Amino acid sequence: MKLLVKGLGQVLFSIVGGAVSPSTNGGNMSTLIANPGYAVVVQEDYFDLAGMTQREKTLFFKTVSIQEPYNPSIEGGHTGDDIREAIVLTTTPIPSDQLLTEYALGPGLFNSTTSWSQLVYYRFRNCVRTTDQGSTAILPTLSQNSMGSAYPTASDRVYIYRFIQANNADQTAQFTSILVPGCQVVLGADVKEEPEFQYLYRLMRSYELQQSHDED
């Protein structure tokens, strides 16, 4: 089994001029929304599988895990301040003008731009400040859900999106900062040869799905 690993940087949310302002210590991050009540960012990366496809191999996913050293931490703030994090792995890219819509709908679900068969893995978690925490605290996980098809692919990339939303629950008691740690996205997969007709069909399907999205 091959092990593929990709790291994403930490994200810091702070209050600047009354608005929630995000920053990162490295990597490709875009701010989708930044206002006094909340901010949404997305980090983007991908696994390059070109060497596999050149050898006419198919990738069969075995395991997917998101490794994080600790939960998000908060300075100041109020009960109900929270972080929402969605990590998405797909075999086709999400158009840049659809990122916010995709995050809101949930990839692989009704009306999203990503079909369930393209969705390798999706994990959503919510970490919320509680009433019994001091001014500096680690945000406990309130809920966590995951889904995905892990459907085999002949695509030359697996795309990674990490959406993070920071919410300021009370404008009169704004948090000073929320730090979301970096993470490792880990794929365990087997690379195998398929019968030619199956491989050609999978390759054609991967090609068709990427034609309307590929921005290279």
Protein backbone atom coordinates (compact mmCIF):
# COMPACT_ATOMS: atom_id res chain seq x y z
CA MET A 1 0.00 0.00 0.00
CA LYS A 2 1.27 3.46 -0.91
CA LEU A 3 1.06 6.27 1.64
CA LEU A 4 0.46 9.82 0.34
CA VAL A 5 0.83 12.77 2.74
CA LYS A 6 0.10 16.46 2.25
CA GLY A 7 0.42 19.15 4.94
CA LEU A 8 -1.74 22.28 5.32
CA GLY A 9 -0.61 25.29 7.37
CA GLN A 10 -2.16 26.73 10.53
CA VAL A 11 -4.73 29.52 10.27
CA LEU A 12 -5.04 32.43 12.71
CA PHE A 13 -8.24 34.46 13.03
CA SER A 14 -8.00 37.81 14.84
CA ILE A 15 -10.18 40.90 15.18
CA VAL A 16 -8.82 43.79 13.08
CA GLY A 17 -10.85 46.99 12.76
CA GLY A 18 -13.90 45.18 14.12
CA ALA A 19 -13.80 42.47 11.42
CA VAL A 20 -12.59 38.89 11.71
CA SER A 21 -9.27 38.81 9.84
CA PRO A 22 -7.56 35.50 8.82
CA SER A 23 -3.91 34.75 8.11
CA THR A 24 -1.80 31.62 7.60
CA ASN A 25 1.81 30.59 8.20
CA GLY A 26 2.13 29.13 4.71
CA GLY A 27 0.38 27.52 1.77
CA ASN A 28 -2.35 28.57 -0.63
CA MET A 29 -5.21 30.23 1.31
CA SER A 30 -8.03 32.46 0.04
CA THR A 31 -10.47 34.51 2.09
CA LEU A 32 -14.05 33.94 0.93
CA ILE A 33 -15.78 36.13 3.57
CA ALA A 34 -14.43 38.52 6.24
CA ASN A 35 -16.83 40.68 8.29
CA PRO A 36 -17.48 41.57 11.97
CA GLY A 37 -19.52 38.43 12.65
CA TYR A 38 -17.56 35.69 10.92
CA ALA A 39 -14.93 34.83 8.33
CA VAL A 40 -14.55 31.91 5.90
CA VAL A 41 -11.28 30.84 4.30
CA VAL A 42 -10.24 27.95 2.07
CA GLN A 43 -6.84 26.25 1.78
CA GLU A 44 -6.13 24.40 -1.46
CA ASP A 45 -3.61 21.75 -2.50
CA TYR A 46 -3.51 18.45 -4.38
CA PHE A 47 -1.86 15.05 -4.61
CA ASP A 48 -0.05 14.63 -7.94
CA LEU A 49 -0.80 11.18 -9.38
CA ALA A 50 0.62 11.79 -12.87
CA GLY A 51 3.29 9.11 -12.50
CA MET A 52 0.60 6.55 -11.77
CA THR A 53 -1.56 7.45 -14.77
CA GLN A 54 1.45 7.42 -17.10
CA ARG A 55 1.96 3.77 -16.13
CA GLU A 56 -1.73 3.08 -16.82
CA LYS A 57 -2.48 2.25 -13.20
CA THR A 58 -5.64 2.77 -11.16
CA LEU A 59 -5.61 4.10 -7.59
CA PHE A 60 -7.77 2.18 -5.11
CA PHE A 61 -8.26 4.11 -1.86
CA LYS A 62 -7.81 2.09 1.32
CA THR A 63 -7.66 4.65 4.13
CA VAL A 64 -8.11 8.40 4.53
CA SER A 65 -7.21 10.25 7.72
CA ILE A 66 -6.83 13.85 8.88
CA GLN A 67 -4.10 14.21 11.50
CA GLU A 68 -4.14 17.28 13.76
CA PRO A 69 -1.98 17.85 16.88
CA TYR A 70 -4.70 19.59 18.93
CA ASN A 71 -8.07 21.31 18.67
CA PRO A 72 -8.37 25.04 17.82
CA SER A 73 -7.50 27.40 20.68
CA ILE A 74 -9.10 30.74 21.57
CA GLU A 75 -7.99 33.92 23.36
CA GLY A 76 -10.80 35.98 24.90
CA GLY A 77 -14.26 35.80 23.45
CA HIS A 78 -17.63 34.56 24.60
CA THR A 79 -19.60 31.33 25.02
CA GLY A 80 -20.71 30.16 21.57
CA ASP A 81 -17.67 31.38 19.61
CA ASP A 82 -16.79 28.53 17.31
CA ILE A 83 -14.76 27.09 14.46
CA ARG A 84 -16.30 25.08 11.63
CA GLU A 85 -13.91 23.04 9.50
CA ALA A 86 -14.70 21.06 6.34
CA ILE A 87 -11.99 19.02 4.62
CA VAL A 88 -12.79 17.86 1.09
CA LEU A 89 -10.87 15.47 -1.19
CA THR A 90 -12.11 15.20 -4.77
CA THR A 91 -10.92 13.77 -8.08
CA THR A 92 -12.01 16.93 -9.94
CA PRO A 93 -11.37 20.57 -8.96
CA ILE A 94 -14.08 22.84 -7.57
CA PRO A 95 -14.44 25.99 -9.73
CA SER A 96 -13.14 29.04 -7.87
CA ASP A 97 -16.46 30.86 -8.22
CA GLN A 98 -18.28 27.89 -6.67
CA LEU A 99 -16.13 27.40 -3.56
CA LEU A 100 -18.43 29.21 -1.14
CA THR A 101 -21.52 27.52 -2.59
CA GLU A 102 -19.86 24.12 -2.36
CA TYR A 103 -18.95 24.73 1.28
CA ALA A 104 -22.51 25.82 2.09
CA LEU A 105 -24.25 22.93 0.30
CA GLY A 106 -21.84 20.16 1.19
CA PRO A 107 -19.90 18.45 -1.64
CA GLY A 108 -21.47 15.30 -3.03
CA LEU A 109 -24.93 16.41 -1.89
CA PHE A 110 -27.91 17.79 -3.82
CA ASN A 111 -27.09 20.70 -6.17
CA SER A 112 -23.37 20.74 -5.33
CA THR A 113 -20.79 20.86 -8.13
CA THR A 114 -19.09 17.68 -6.90
CA SER A 115 -20.83 14.36 -7.44
CA TRP A 116 -20.67 11.63 -4.79
CA SER A 117 -18.51 9.44 -7.05
CA GLN A 118 -15.97 12.28 -7.35
CA LEU A 119 -15.94 12.82 -3.58
CA VAL A 120 -13.09 10.75 -2.17
CA TYR A 121 -13.60 12.00 1.40
CA TYR A 122 -15.39 14.72 3.35
CA ARG A 123 -15.13 15.55 7.05
CA PHE A 124 -16.92 18.32 8.89
CA ARG A 125 -16.36 19.24 12.53
CA ASN A 126 -17.55 22.00 14.84
CA CYS A 127 -15.50 23.20 17.86
CA VAL A 128 -17.31 25.53 20.29
CA ARG A 129 -16.42 27.62 23.36
CA THR A 130 -18.38 26.46 26.42
CA THR A 131 -19.59 28.24 29.59
CA ASP A 132 -16.98 26.69 31.92
CA GLN A 133 -13.83 27.84 30.05
CA GLY A 134 -11.47 30.64 31.01
CA SER A 135 -10.17 33.48 28.85
CA THR A 136 -7.70 31.14 27.11
CA ALA A 137 -9.07 27.76 26.10
CA ILE A 138 -8.94 24.80 23.75
CA LEU A 139 -12.24 24.55 21.88
CA PRO A 140 -13.87 21.12 22.43
CA THR A 141 -15.37 19.27 19.47
CA LEU A 142 -19.17 19.56 19.55
CA SER A 143 -19.84 17.42 16.47
CA GLN A 144 -17.98 15.60 13.71
CA ASN A 145 -19.27 13.87 10.59
CA SER A 146 -17.69 12.27 7.54
CA MET A 147 -18.74 10.79 4.19
CA GLY A 148 -17.35 9.93 0.75
CA SER A 149 -17.27 7.28 -1.96
CA ALA A 150 -13.51 6.51 -2.02
CA TYR A 151 -14.24 5.45 -5.59
CA PRO A 152 -11.16 4.20 -7.53
CA THR A 153 -9.69 6.75 -9.93
CA ALA A 154 -7.49 7.04 -13.00
CA SER A 155 -7.31 10.82 -12.57
CA ASP A 156 -3.88 12.46 -12.37
CA ARG A 157 -4.78 14.48 -9.25
CA VAL A 158 -6.70 14.30 -5.99
CA TYR A 159 -7.67 17.84 -4.96
CA ILE A 160 -7.69 19.00 -1.33
CA TYR A 161 -9.85 21.79 0.07
CA ARG A 162 -9.92 22.82 3.72
CA PHE A 163 -12.71 25.29 4.52
CA ILE A 164 -12.51 27.03 7.91
CA GLN A 165 -15.16 29.36 9.33
CA ALA A 166 -14.61 31.40 12.52
CA ASN A 167 -17.72 32.79 14.22
CA ASN A 168 -17.84 35.65 16.74
CA ALA A 169 -20.96 34.96 18.84
CA ASP A 170 -21.11 38.28 20.73
CA GLN A 171 -20.01 41.63 19.26
CA THR A 172 -19.68 43.07 22.78
CA ALA A 173 -17.20 40.37 23.83
CA GLN A 174 -15.10 39.73 20.75
CA PHE A 175 -12.39 37.10 20.85
CA THR A 176 -8.80 38.31 20.51
CA SER A 177 -7.73 35.38 18.34
CA ILE A 178 -8.53 31.81 17.36
CA LEU A 179 -5.70 29.54 16.20
CA VAL A 180 -6.54 26.52 14.03
CA PRO A 181 -3.52 24.19 13.87
CA GLY A 182 -2.07 22.84 10.68
CA CYS A 183 -2.95 19.30 9.67
CA GLN A 184 -1.72 16.36 7.63
CA VAL A 185 -3.96 14.77 5.02
CA VAL A 186 -2.99 11.10 4.69
CA LEU A 187 -4.13 8.74 1.92
CA GLY A 188 -3.44 5.03 1.95
CA ALA A 189 -3.97 3.46 -1.46
CA ASP A 190 -3.14 0.50 -3.66
CA VAL A 191 -2.00 1.07 -7.23
CA LYS A 192 -3.08 -1.73 -9.53
CA GLU A 193 -3.51 -2.64 -13.16
CA GLU A 194 -7.08 -3.29 -14.27
CA PRO A 195 -8.35 -5.13 -17.34
CA GLU A 196 -7.83 -2.82 -20.29
CA PHE A 197 -11.52 -2.13 -20.99
CA GLN A 198 -12.16 -1.21 -17.33
CA TYR A 199 -9.12 1.07 -17.17
CA LEU A 200 -9.98 2.81 -20.45
CA TYR A 201 -13.54 3.45 -19.27
CA ARG A 202 -12.30 4.86 -15.94
CA LEU A 203 -9.71 7.02 -17.72
CA MET A 204 -12.34 8.34 -20.14
CA ARG A 205 -14.70 9.13 -17.27
CA SER A 206 -11.95 10.99 -15.34
CA TYR A 207 -11.10 12.96 -18.51
CA GLU A 208 -14.73 13.91 -19.12
CA LEU A 209 -15.25 15.11 -15.55
CA GLN A 210 -12.18 17.33 -15.64
CA GLN A 211 -12.77 18.97 -19.01
CA SER A 212 -15.11 21.66 -17.67
CA HIS A 213 -13.02 22.29 -14.53
CA ASP A 214 -9.31 22.03 -15.33
CA GLU A 215 -7.73 25.48 -14.84
CA ASP A 216 -4.12 24.54 -15.65
